[in-house]
Amino acid sequence: MRGASGSRRRTVGLAAGLAGFVVVLLLPAPAGLSPDAHKTAAVAVLMISWWVSEAVHIGVTGLVPLVAFPLLGVSSSRDVSAHFANHLIFLFVGGFIIAHAMEAWNLHRRIALNAIARFGSRPQPIVLGFMLTSAVLSMWISNTATTMMLLPMAMAVVNQLAQSAEVRGVSSGAEASRFARDVFGCVLLLGIAYAASIGGIGTIVGSPTNVAFLGFVVDSLPDLPAIGFAQWSLVCVPIVAVFLPLTWLYLCRFAGAVPLSSIRFSGSQSVIRRELDELGPISTPEKRVLLVCAATGLLWIFRAPLDLGALYLPGWSELFPVPGHVHDSTVAMAMAVLLFVLPSGHPRRTGRLLNWKGAARGIPWGIVFLLGGGFSLAASITETGLAAWVGSALSMMQGVPDWVLVVAICVLTTAMTETTSNVATVLMLSPAIAAMAGEIGVHPYLLLLPMAVTASFAFTMPVATPPNAIIFSSGWITIPQMLRAGVVLDIAGLLVVPVAVYFLGASLLGIG
């Protein structure tokens, strides 16, 4: 039934997008709207309809500006295609190549297993161990890959420990085992998916939503102070540090039919230890990939000067003739190239640490096209004056307290991202929100940054994020269970994100 419903939604969305495109083009332009802005609005209607309905793959929708804008005379093919070479897209690609190297040599698996093995066999620490592992890995590799890797480990751990479960108030061994599997399994899988989404906001490369937001700022708001790797993490890692334990405490206490404290396991984590034994000692290729990953992180953090008030650290980019020409994407691509150059050092698998055939399969080209198309659309919305026109229409919001605006935008973002691609949500909302900020005289980051972070906080529906969909596909989670747990976390996010962004951004990004 879900497949048939999805097919109807895609068919309706495809037709609605095309019809909306034609109707907007045929209608007379509203007063004050230029012809190019009017055409851009028509393309925006088409792309938004297709993104929301997923009428075609979101990456395919991203290719629409390459066709529509030149044919409509809005901009040339050269200008449109330039947005597909935005340096932040190469930051994203470089990050995925580095992540693929971790996966190719099983380094990510070794890190995960070693982290989880240190949390014993009680249910609450096990959930915490998986969630911490999921969050940390998601800062560096995709949320989807993290969840896919941890899911089978988690299910194996649940099945192993449920055999020796003792549940308060349940006498039968078989009944206790089944009850523990259902409750513990639900909480553990939800924890992994939610932690992947939460951890993804911690670094620029942690989620494509972060890249989409920063790419819009670079293209459309070049006068704003740049947000580098360190600045982004200084604002967002504290959000992760606060929200992750809150999520863990809530899930362990309220997400299951009974609190996890009611469950005890007499067995041990033999599954984890067995898998660690199968990996054997760390190999030379793993050590080299780990060294490259560590160097990448340090180079990102210390590229630009860090001014923390009492402490000022000069950036290494100042050693070069034009420091402003060196970006985080420079580091990402340099480290990616290094992985293709360094020999693996493996006694049987000769060659380099990475080869292009394998790395190319690990790059999510659909997201690359989605970002390029979104940047093209956002730039056209700004350059043709459509954003200014929308902003003037929203000037009625002037005088509304800043905190009300921030909360309202976060609520809108949460509602959209539960049913639409997170990246598409950011690309659709950014131009209108930036224009509104300009009209009412508030700092654009005050409204844009909470929107970008909130786009990753979607916890109530399987379709909201790939991690949610992956754990739902296990058959261990029902929609009512996810809805019950996710609604509370969505509301918590609406409280934590605006407060954190306002107070941290005020000192680090000049918001206020």
Protein backbone atom coordinates (compact mmCIF):
# COMPACT_ATOMS: atom_id res chain seq x y z
CA MET A 1 0.00 0.00 0.00
CA ARG A 2 2.84 2.39 0.83
CA GLY A 3 4.35 1.72 -2.60
CA ALA A 4 1.08 2.45 -4.42
CA SER A 5 0.53 5.60 -2.35
CA GLY A 6 4.07 6.77 -3.08
CA SER A 7 3.60 6.15 -6.80
CA ARG A 8 0.40 8.22 -6.84
CA ARG A 9 2.13 11.01 -4.92
CA ARG A 10 4.98 11.06 -7.42
CA THR A 11 2.64 11.09 -10.39
CA VAL A 12 0.55 13.91 -8.93
CA GLY A 13 3.70 15.83 -8.00
CA LEU A 14 5.14 15.48 -11.50
CA ALA A 15 1.96 16.82 -13.10
CA ALA A 16 1.51 19.55 -10.47
CA GLY A 17 5.04 20.80 -10.96
CA LEU A 18 4.70 21.05 -14.73
CA ALA A 19 1.24 22.64 -14.47
CA GLY A 20 2.46 25.14 -11.88
CA PHE A 21 5.42 26.04 -14.07
CA VAL A 22 3.19 26.76 -17.07
CA VAL A 23 0.55 28.63 -15.06
CA VAL A 24 3.09 30.95 -13.40
CA LEU A 25 4.69 31.71 -16.77
CA LEU A 26 1.33 32.52 -18.36
CA LEU A 27 0.07 34.72 -15.54
CA PRO A 28 1.03 38.41 -15.67
CA ALA A 29 3.97 39.30 -13.44
CA PRO A 30 2.97 40.94 -10.13
CA ALA A 31 3.79 44.60 -9.68
CA GLY A 32 7.46 45.21 -8.97
CA LEU A 33 8.60 41.79 -10.23
CA SER A 34 11.01 41.77 -13.18
CA PRO A 35 10.49 39.37 -16.13
CA ASP A 36 13.55 37.30 -15.16
CA ALA A 37 12.35 37.08 -11.55
CA HIS A 38 8.93 35.98 -12.84
CA LYS A 39 10.54 33.18 -14.88
CA THR A 40 12.69 32.19 -11.92
CA ALA A 41 9.54 31.90 -9.79
CA ALA A 42 8.07 29.50 -12.36
CA VAL A 43 11.19 27.31 -12.23
CA ALA A 44 11.10 27.44 -8.41
CA VAL A 45 7.48 26.20 -8.41
CA LEU A 46 8.47 23.29 -10.66
CA MET A 47 11.51 22.30 -8.60
CA ILE A 48 9.80 22.67 -5.22
CA SER A 49 6.85 20.54 -6.40
CA TRP A 50 9.19 17.82 -7.61
CA TRP A 51 11.34 17.96 -4.49
CA VAL A 52 8.38 17.74 -2.12
CA SER A 53 6.66 14.92 -4.03
CA GLU A 54 9.92 13.20 -5.10
CA ALA A 55 8.36 12.98 -8.56
CA VAL A 56 11.82 12.16 -9.85
CA HIS A 57 15.07 11.63 -7.95
CA ILE A 58 16.01 14.80 -6.07
CA GLY A 59 19.31 14.85 -7.96
CA VAL A 60 17.45 14.88 -11.28
CA THR A 61 15.42 17.86 -10.11
CA GLY A 62 18.72 19.56 -9.36
CA LEU A 63 19.56 19.41 -13.08
CA VAL A 64 16.48 21.44 -14.08
CA PRO A 65 18.21 24.89 -13.91
CA LEU A 66 20.79 23.70 -16.47
CA VAL A 67 17.92 23.37 -18.94
CA ALA A 68 15.33 25.91 -17.82
CA PHE A 69 17.36 29.06 -17.16
CA PRO A 70 19.23 29.13 -20.50
CA LEU A 71 16.05 28.34 -22.49
CA LEU A 72 14.08 31.03 -20.65
CA GLY A 73 16.86 33.57 -21.12
CA VAL A 74 17.39 34.04 -17.37
CA SER A 75 21.10 33.13 -17.42
CA SER A 76 23.59 31.37 -19.66
CA SER A 77 24.60 27.73 -19.46
CA ARG A 78 28.08 28.87 -18.43
CA ASP A 79 26.72 30.86 -15.48
CA VAL A 80 24.32 28.13 -14.36
CA SER A 81 26.86 25.31 -14.57
CA ALA A 82 29.38 27.34 -12.54
CA HIS A 83 27.25 26.70 -9.46
CA PHE A 84 27.81 22.96 -9.85
CA ALA A 85 31.51 23.68 -9.26
CA ASN A 86 30.94 25.58 -6.01
CA HIS A 87 33.94 24.95 -3.76
CA LEU A 88 31.66 23.69 -0.99
CA ILE A 89 30.51 20.88 -3.27
CA PHE A 90 34.16 19.81 -3.51
CA LEU A 91 34.40 20.00 0.27
CA PHE A 92 31.48 17.57 0.36
CA VAL A 93 33.02 15.31 -2.30
CA GLY A 94 36.40 15.33 -0.58
CA GLY A 95 34.77 14.41 2.71
CA PHE A 96 33.01 11.47 1.09
CA ILE A 97 36.23 10.25 -0.51
CA ILE A 98 37.96 10.31 2.89
CA ALA A 99 34.96 8.53 4.44
CA HIS A 100 35.09 5.91 1.68
CA ALA A 101 38.72 5.22 2.55
CA MET A 102 37.66 4.52 6.13
CA GLU A 103 35.00 2.12 4.88
CA ALA A 104 37.25 0.48 2.28
CA TRP A 105 39.73 -0.61 4.96
CA ASN A 106 37.11 -1.25 7.69
CA LEU A 107 38.54 1.50 9.90
CA HIS A 108 35.07 2.84 10.65
CA ARG A 109 33.99 -0.62 11.80
CA ARG A 110 37.00 -0.99 14.09
CA ILE A 111 36.31 2.42 15.65
CA ALA A 112 32.65 1.53 16.19
CA LEU A 113 33.30 -1.89 17.70
CA ASN A 114 35.98 -0.64 20.07
CA ALA A 115 33.74 2.17 21.26
CA ILE A 116 30.73 -0.08 21.83
CA ALA A 117 32.76 -2.81 23.57
CA ARG A 118 33.59 -0.43 26.41
CA PHE A 119 30.01 -0.03 27.61
CA GLY A 120 29.39 -3.40 29.25
CA SER A 121 26.18 -5.42 28.99
CA ARG A 122 23.61 -3.26 30.83
CA PRO A 123 20.98 -1.82 28.47
CA GLN A 124 21.36 1.90 29.22
CA PRO A 125 25.17 2.02 28.74
CA ILE A 126 24.87 -0.08 25.58
CA VAL A 127 22.38 2.39 24.10
CA LEU A 128 24.69 5.25 25.10
CA GLY A 129 27.66 3.51 23.50
CA PHE A 130 25.87 2.98 20.20
CA MET A 131 24.52 6.53 20.22
CA LEU A 132 27.92 8.10 20.93
CA THR A 133 29.47 5.98 18.20
CA SER A 134 26.71 6.89 15.76
CA ALA A 135 27.00 10.61 16.53
CA VAL A 136 30.80 10.76 16.29
CA LEU A 137 30.96 8.75 13.06
CA SER A 138 28.18 10.87 11.54
CA MET A 139 30.32 13.95 12.01
CA TRP A 140 32.72 12.51 9.43
CA ILE A 141 30.88 9.94 7.30
CA SER A 142 27.32 10.04 5.99
CA ASN A 143 24.41 9.49 8.36
CA THR A 144 23.15 6.81 6.00
CA ALA A 145 26.42 4.86 6.00
CA THR A 146 26.70 5.14 9.79
CA THR A 147 23.20 3.78 10.36
CA MET A 148 23.63 1.01 7.80
CA MET A 149 26.84 -0.12 9.50
CA LEU A 150 25.53 -0.02 13.07
CA LEU A 151 22.11 -1.56 12.42
CA PRO A 152 23.23 -5.21 11.98
CA MET A 153 25.60 -4.89 14.95
CA ALA A 154 22.78 -3.56 17.11
CA MET A 155 20.35 -6.29 16.07
CA ALA A 156 22.96 -8.97 16.78
CA VAL A 157 23.67 -7.50 20.23
CA VAL A 158 19.94 -7.36 21.06
CA ASN A 159 19.35 -10.97 19.97
CA GLN A 160 22.39 -12.17 21.95
CA LEU A 161 21.61 -10.34 25.18
CA ALA A 162 17.84 -10.94 25.08
CA GLN A 163 18.52 -14.66 25.62
CA SER A 164 19.76 -13.89 29.15
CA ALA A 165 17.30 -11.11 29.94
CA GLU A 166 15.55 -10.60 33.24
CA VAL A 167 12.59 -8.20 33.23
CA ARG A 168 11.02 -6.86 36.41
CA GLY A 169 7.46 -8.12 36.65
CA VAL A 170 7.86 -10.78 33.92
CA SER A 171 8.48 -14.27 35.29
CA SER A 172 8.79 -16.51 32.24
CA GLY A 173 12.25 -16.79 30.66
CA ALA A 174 10.92 -16.95 27.10
CA GLU A 175 8.47 -14.13 27.74
CA ALA A 176 11.16 -12.01 29.37
CA SER A 177 13.47 -12.63 26.43
CA ARG A 178 10.82 -11.61 23.88
CA PHE A 179 9.80 -8.57 25.91
CA ALA A 180 13.40 -7.43 26.34
CA ARG A 181 14.08 -7.85 22.64
CA ASP A 182 11.08 -5.73 21.71
CA VAL A 183 11.71 -2.93 24.20
CA PHE A 184 15.51 -2.86 24.11
CA GLY A 185 15.57 -3.30 20.33
CA CYS A 186 13.17 -0.40 19.77
CA VAL A 187 15.11 1.98 22.01
CA LEU A 188 18.52 0.96 20.62
CA LEU A 189 17.53 1.34 16.96
CA LEU A 190 15.82 4.67 17.55
CA GLY A 191 18.90 5.85 19.44
CA ILE A 192 21.21 4.97 16.54
CA ALA A 193 19.09 6.77 13.94
CA TYR A 194 18.50 9.86 16.05
CA ALA A 195 22.15 10.10 17.10
CA ALA A 196 23.22 9.94 13.44
CA SER A 197 21.03 12.95 12.64
CA ILE A 198 22.15 14.84 15.74
CA GLY A 199 25.85 14.13 15.23
CA GLY A 200 25.66 15.14 11.58
CA ILE A 201 25.29 18.81 12.51
CA GLY A 202 28.60 18.80 14.42
CA THR A 203 30.83 19.46 11.41
CA ILE A 204 30.42 21.09 8.02
CA VAL A 205 30.91 17.75 6.27
CA GLY A 206 28.63 15.86 8.66
CA SER A 207 25.48 16.45 6.63
CA PRO A 208 24.64 17.75 3.16
CA THR A 209 22.18 20.17 4.80
CA ASN A 210 25.18 21.98 6.31
CA VAL A 211 26.85 22.22 2.91
CA ALA A 212 23.62 23.42 1.29
CA PHE A 213 23.26 26.23 3.83
CA LEU A 214 26.88 27.36 3.59
CA GLY A 215 26.82 27.20 -0.19
CA PHE A 216 23.79 29.48 -0.27
CA VAL A 217 25.55 31.97 2.03
CA VAL A 218 28.72 32.00 -0.09
CA ASP A 219 26.81 32.51 -3.35
CA SER A 220 23.99 34.81 -2.25
CA LEU A 221 25.31 36.64 0.83
CA PRO A 222 29.00 37.15 0.13
CA ASP A 223 29.23 40.16 2.45
CA LEU A 224 28.50 38.09 5.53
CA PRO A 225 31.48 36.82 7.56
CA ALA A 226 32.46 33.35 6.36
CA ILE A 227 31.70 30.35 8.56
CA GLY A 228 34.70 28.03 8.54
CA PHE A 229 35.02 24.50 9.87
CA ALA A 230 36.05 25.63 13.35
CA GLN A 231 33.37 28.31 13.67
CA TRP A 232 30.64 25.92 12.60
CA SER A 233 31.74 23.25 15.07
CA LEU A 234 32.14 25.75 17.92
CA VAL A 235 28.47 26.64 17.49
CA CYS A 236 27.05 23.20 16.68
CA VAL A 237 29.11 20.72 18.73
CA PRO A 238 27.68 22.18 21.97
CA ILE A 239 24.19 21.52 20.54
CA VAL A 240 25.22 17.91 19.95
CA ALA A 241 26.72 17.72 23.45
CA VAL A 242 23.46 18.91 25.02
CA PHE A 243 20.90 17.21 22.79
CA LEU A 244 22.50 13.76 22.55
CA PRO A 245 22.38 12.96 26.29
CA LEU A 246 18.88 14.43 26.52
CA THR A 247 17.80 12.10 23.71
CA TRP A 248 19.47 9.14 25.41
CA LEU A 249 17.81 9.84 28.76
CA TYR A 250 14.42 10.29 27.15
CA LEU A 251 14.63 7.14 25.03
CA CYS A 252 15.82 4.97 27.93
CA ARG A 253 13.07 6.23 30.21
CA PHE A 254 10.05 6.80 27.99
CA ALA A 255 10.44 5.37 24.46
CA GLY A 256 9.84 1.74 25.35
CA ALA A 257 6.85 0.01 26.94
CA VAL A 258 8.85 0.04 30.20
CA PRO A 259 11.99 1.94 31.21
CA LEU A 260 15.22 0.17 30.30
CA SER A 261 16.13 0.16 33.98
CA SER A 262 13.56 -2.65 34.33
CA ILE A 263 15.71 -4.94 32.17
CA ARG A 264 18.87 -6.78 33.21
CA PHE A 265 21.19 -8.99 31.16
CA SER A 266 23.31 -11.72 32.69
CA GLY A 267 25.24 -12.39 29.48
CA SER A 268 28.10 -10.43 27.95
CA GLN A 269 28.70 -8.69 24.64
CA SER A 270 30.23 -11.75 23.03
CA VAL A 271 28.99 -10.66 19.61
CA ILE A 272 31.04 -7.46 19.71
CA ARG A 273 34.14 -9.21 21.00
CA ARG A 274 33.85 -11.92 18.36
CA GLU A 275 33.64 -9.36 15.58
CA LEU A 276 36.65 -7.52 17.01
CA ASP A 277 38.60 -10.77 17.05
CA GLU A 278 37.69 -11.34 13.40
CA LEU A 279 39.10 -7.91 12.50
CA GLY A 280 42.44 -8.78 14.08
CA PRO A 281 45.10 -6.19 14.93
CA ILE A 282 44.98 -2.82 13.20
CA SER A 283 46.56 -3.03 9.75
CA THR A 284 49.04 -0.70 8.05
CA PRO A 285 46.38 0.69 5.63
CA GLU A 286 44.09 1.45 8.56
CA LYS A 287 46.89 3.31 10.34
CA ARG A 288 47.59 5.38 7.24
CA VAL A 289 43.93 6.23 6.68
CA LEU A 290 43.60 7.13 10.35
CA LEU A 291 46.61 9.43 10.05
CA VAL A 292 45.09 11.15 6.99
CA CYS A 293 41.75 11.55 8.81
CA ALA A 294 43.43 13.07 11.86
CA ALA A 295 45.50 15.43 9.70
CA THR A 296 42.36 16.48 7.82
CA GLY A 297 40.53 17.37 11.01
CA LEU A 298 43.46 19.37 12.40
CA LEU A 299 43.96 21.23 9.12
CA TRP A 300 40.27 22.11 8.99
CA ILE A 301 40.21 23.34 12.58
CA PHE A 302 43.32 25.50 12.36
CA ARG A 303 43.07 26.75 8.76
CA ALA A 304 41.68 30.19 9.59
CA PRO A 305 42.55 32.31 12.63
CA LEU A 306 40.59 31.44 15.76
CA ASP A 307 39.62 34.47 17.82
CA LEU A 308 38.10 33.28 21.10
CA GLY A 309 38.42 36.58 22.88
CA ALA A 310 41.10 35.85 25.45
CA LEU A 311 42.82 33.47 23.05
CA TYR A 312 43.87 34.20 19.47
CA LEU A 313 45.36 31.47 17.27
CA PRO A 314 46.68 32.40 13.81
CA GLY A 315 45.65 30.10 10.98
CA TRP A 316 48.16 28.11 8.91
CA SER A 317 46.59 29.51 5.72
CA GLU A 318 48.37 32.79 6.54
CA LEU A 319 51.63 31.09 5.57
CA PHE A 320 50.54 31.24 1.91
CA PRO A 321 50.57 34.27 -0.43
CA VAL A 322 46.78 34.77 -0.45
CA PRO A 323 45.20 33.19 2.66
CA GLY A 324 41.69 33.97 1.41
CA HIS A 325 42.21 31.63 -1.55
CA VAL A 326 42.60 28.64 0.79
CA HIS A 327 39.29 27.09 1.90
CA ASP A 328 38.19 24.00 3.78
CA SER A 329 37.55 22.44 0.37
CA THR A 330 41.27 22.91 -0.39
CA VAL A 331 42.09 20.70 2.58
CA ALA A 332 39.44 18.12 1.65
CA MET A 333 40.69 17.76 -1.90
CA ALA A 334 44.37 17.73 -0.86
CA MET A 335 43.72 14.88 1.58
CA ALA A 336 41.56 13.06 -0.97
CA VAL A 337 44.36 13.28 -3.56
CA LEU A 338 46.81 12.02 -0.93
CA LEU A 339 44.72 8.88 -0.45
CA PHE A 340 45.09 8.10 -4.16
CA VAL A 341 48.85 8.64 -3.92
CA LEU A 342 49.87 6.84 -0.71
CA PRO A 343 50.63 3.12 -1.07
CA SER A 344 48.40 0.89 1.01
CA GLY A 345 51.26 -1.01 2.68
CA HIS A 346 49.09 -4.15 2.75
CA PRO A 347 51.11 -7.35 2.18
CA ARG A 348 48.51 -8.92 -0.12
CA ARG A 349 46.46 -5.99 -1.49
CA THR A 350 49.13 -4.02 -3.29
CA GLY A 351 48.39 -0.60 -4.74
CA ARG A 352 47.24 2.70 -3.28
CA LEU A 353 44.98 3.36 -0.31
CA LEU A 354 42.21 4.25 -2.76
CA ASN A 355 41.44 3.64 -6.41
CA TRP A 356 39.11 5.82 -8.47
CA LYS A 357 36.66 3.06 -9.39
CA GLY A 358 35.86 2.34 -5.76
CA ALA A 359 35.89 5.97 -4.66
CA ALA A 360 33.54 7.06 -7.46
CA ARG A 361 30.96 4.53 -6.25
CA GLY A 362 31.12 6.08 -2.78
CA ILE A 363 30.30 9.62 -3.93
CA PRO A 364 26.55 10.42 -3.74
CA TRP A 365 26.29 12.04 -7.15
CA GLY A 366 22.57 12.65 -6.70
CA ILE A 367 23.28 14.89 -3.72
CA VAL A 368 26.03 16.66 -5.71
CA PHE A 369 23.52 17.48 -8.48
CA LEU A 370 20.91 18.45 -5.89
CA LEU A 371 23.34 20.91 -4.30
CA GLY A 372 24.42 22.34 -7.66
CA GLY A 373 20.83 22.83 -8.80
CA GLY A 374 19.84 24.29 -5.46
CA PHE A 375 22.73 26.76 -5.54
CA SER A 376 21.75 27.72 -9.11
CA LEU A 377 18.13 28.30 -8.13
CA ALA A 378 19.07 30.26 -4.99
CA ALA A 379 21.49 32.45 -6.93
CA SER A 380 18.88 33.22 -9.57
CA ILE A 381 16.29 34.03 -6.90
CA THR A 382 18.74 36.55 -5.43
CA GLU A 383 20.18 38.01 -8.65
CA THR A 384 16.87 38.54 -10.46
CA GLY A 385 15.37 40.40 -7.51
CA LEU A 386 12.83 37.69 -6.63
CA ALA A 387 14.29 37.37 -3.12
CA ALA A 388 14.02 41.14 -2.55
CA TRP A 389 10.42 41.09 -3.79
CA VAL A 390 9.55 38.24 -1.42
CA GLY A 391 11.38 40.03 1.38
CA SER A 392 9.37 43.21 0.85
CA ALA A 393 6.17 41.14 1.00
CA LEU A 394 7.34 39.75 4.34
CA SER A 395 8.28 43.15 5.76
CA MET A 396 5.03 42.99 7.73
CA MET A 397 7.02 40.87 10.18
CA GLN A 398 8.98 43.95 11.22
CA GLY A 399 8.55 44.61 14.91
CA VAL A 400 7.96 40.97 15.79
CA PRO A 401 10.45 39.92 18.50
CA ASP A 402 13.51 38.12 17.13
CA TRP A 403 12.92 35.04 19.26
CA VAL A 404 9.38 34.67 17.89
CA LEU A 405 10.75 34.77 14.33
CA VAL A 406 13.42 32.20 15.12
CA VAL A 407 10.95 29.80 16.73
CA ALA A 408 8.45 30.26 13.88
CA ILE A 409 11.11 29.48 11.28
CA CYS A 410 12.24 26.41 13.24
CA VAL A 411 8.64 25.18 13.44
CA LEU A 412 8.19 25.66 9.68
CA THR A 413 11.50 23.89 8.97
CA THR A 414 10.59 20.96 11.22
CA ALA A 415 7.21 20.57 9.54
CA MET A 416 8.77 20.60 6.06
CA THR A 417 11.72 18.35 6.79
CA GLU A 418 9.48 15.59 8.17
CA THR A 419 8.05 15.08 4.67
CA THR A 420 10.71 16.53 2.34
CA SER A 421 14.43 16.03 1.78
CA ASN A 422 16.39 17.93 4.43
CA VAL A 423 18.67 19.42 1.78
CA ALA A 424 15.76 20.49 -0.40
CA THR A 425 14.13 22.11 2.64
CA VAL A 426 17.23 24.23 3.26
CA LEU A 427 17.55 25.19 -0.40
CA MET A 428 13.88 26.12 -0.64
CA LEU A 429 13.71 28.20 2.54
CA SER A 430 17.09 29.97 2.50
CA PRO A 431 16.37 32.67 -0.15
CA ALA A 432 13.04 33.72 1.38
CA ILE A 433 14.41 33.78 4.93
CA ALA A 434 17.50 35.76 3.92
CA ALA A 435 15.32 38.28 2.08
CA MET A 436 13.02 38.64 5.08
CA ALA A 437 16.01 39.20 7.38
CA GLY A 438 17.20 42.01 5.12
CA GLU A 439 13.80 43.67 5.04
CA ILE A 440 13.18 43.63 8.77
CA GLY A 441 16.76 44.48 9.71
CA VAL A 442 17.99 41.42 11.59
CA HIS A 443 21.23 39.55 11.05
CA PRO A 444 20.59 36.84 8.40
CA TYR A 445 22.49 34.22 10.44
CA LEU A 446 20.06 34.72 13.31
CA LEU A 447 17.31 33.21 11.13
CA LEU A 448 19.27 31.08 8.68
CA LEU A 449 21.48 29.13 11.07
CA PRO A 450 18.64 27.79 13.26
CA MET A 451 16.82 26.80 10.07
CA ALA A 452 19.86 24.89 8.77
CA VAL A 453 20.40 23.04 12.06
CA THR A 454 16.71 22.29 12.61
CA ALA A 455 16.51 20.71 9.15
CA SER A 456 18.53 17.77 10.52
CA PHE A 457 16.26 17.36 13.57
CA ALA A 458 13.50 15.25 12.05
CA PHE A 459 12.52 12.37 14.31
CA THR A 460 8.85 11.48 13.88
CA MET A 461 8.46 9.81 10.47
CA PRO A 462 10.37 7.08 8.58
CA VAL A 463 10.49 9.24 5.45
CA ALA A 464 11.98 12.22 7.30
CA THR A 465 15.63 11.10 7.08
CA PRO A 466 17.55 8.12 5.65
CA PRO A 467 18.51 6.92 9.18
CA ASN A 468 14.84 6.83 10.17
CA ALA A 469 13.96 4.90 7.02
CA ILE A 470 16.79 2.40 7.56
CA ILE A 471 15.82 1.43 11.10
CA PHE A 472 12.14 1.33 10.13
CA SER A 473 13.00 -1.17 7.38
CA SER A 474 14.30 -3.57 10.07
CA GLY A 475 10.72 -4.39 11.06
CA TRP A 476 11.55 -3.76 14.72
CA ILE A 477 10.08 -0.23 14.78
CA THR A 478 6.48 0.81 14.16
CA ILE A 479 5.33 4.24 13.03
CA PRO A 480 3.43 4.86 16.31
CA GLN A 481 6.63 4.09 18.26
CA MET A 482 8.68 6.49 16.15
CA LEU A 483 5.95 9.12 16.29
CA ARG A 484 5.63 8.89 20.07
CA ALA A 485 9.37 9.24 20.60
CA GLY A 486 9.97 11.74 17.81
CA VAL A 487 7.32 14.34 18.65
CA VAL A 488 8.87 15.03 22.05
CA LEU A 489 12.35 15.30 20.52
CA ASP A 490 11.08 17.60 17.76
CA ILE A 491 9.67 19.90 20.45
CA ALA A 492 12.91 19.69 22.46
CA GLY A 493 14.84 20.67 19.35
CA LEU A 494 12.65 23.75 18.96
CA LEU A 495 13.78 24.80 22.44
CA VAL A 496 17.47 23.86 22.32
CA VAL A 497 18.48 24.98 18.81
CA PRO A 498 17.27 28.62 18.86
CA VAL A 499 18.74 29.27 22.32
CA ALA A 500 22.09 27.68 21.49
CA VAL A 501 22.44 29.41 18.13
CA TYR A 502 21.53 32.81 19.56
CA PHE A 503 23.92 32.75 22.52
CA LEU A 504 26.83 30.97 20.81
CA GLY A 505 26.38 32.80 17.53
CA ALA A 506 26.34 36.17 19.29
CA SER A 507 29.96 35.75 20.36
CA LEU A 508 31.33 33.62 17.51
CA LEU A 509 29.52 35.02 14.45
CA GLY A 510 28.42 38.46 15.52
CA ILE A 511 24.72 37.57 15.66
CA GLY A 512 22.56 39.73 17.82
